[in-house]
Amino acid sequence: MCRRDLATTVLVVLLAWGCHPVTPPREAPFPPRVEEAVQHFLPCEIDRELAADGFEHQLHPYQFHESTAIGGGGNFSPHVRAFRTILESAEADRAFKRLLREAPPAGQLYALCGLYWTDKAFFDEAVKPYLTDFREIVAQSGCVLWRRPIREVVAGHPSRRNGIVTGQLPREFAGANSRFVATGCPQ
């Protein structure tokens, strides 16, 4: 009787174990400084609620800074500071791909700027839908805020070649001292 009970118990345990869904492995965490920079582009619950109420122009996860200096005093953009923190980390490629998946449209544009440097082939494919995206984002250059179609930020103005696909914004955001800019070409 004991063997039968043991066999039944083993069978039940094996069946129960086999019925549990397989949980995919969690993505490895980023170093704290990089995670903080990634979180800078991801809205919290209050941000999402305020954006739904029409206040996205006041919330940093929903803004895209088109230059490194913003505001009347030309202050260094906190978005660009977070971008550079990510770009200079060993986890840059993975972090920018996460932002491309999870961030609001403005954060996705920063992700594209980073992917321009970390994985140009991936960037070339990922950028395509943005070239025809008519959704508007809140853009800021200096002290001026305005709504601008995503496709214009990505493609840039034809006479100024100032978009993401031209490399101008990725170069500006990376900064002259970046190891990427110093080599003169994307990875």
Foldseek 3Di string as FASTA:
>chain_A
DVVVVVVVVVVVVVVVVVPDDDDDDDDDDDPPLLVVLLVQLADDPVQVVVVVVPPVLVRRNQEAELAQFAEQVRHGDPNLVSLQSLLQDPCNLVSLVVQCVGGPPNSVQSSLLSCQAAPVVVSVVSCVVQLPAQDWTWYTYHHDTDIDGSNCQACDDVVPRRHSVSSNSSDRSNDPPHPRVVVPHHD
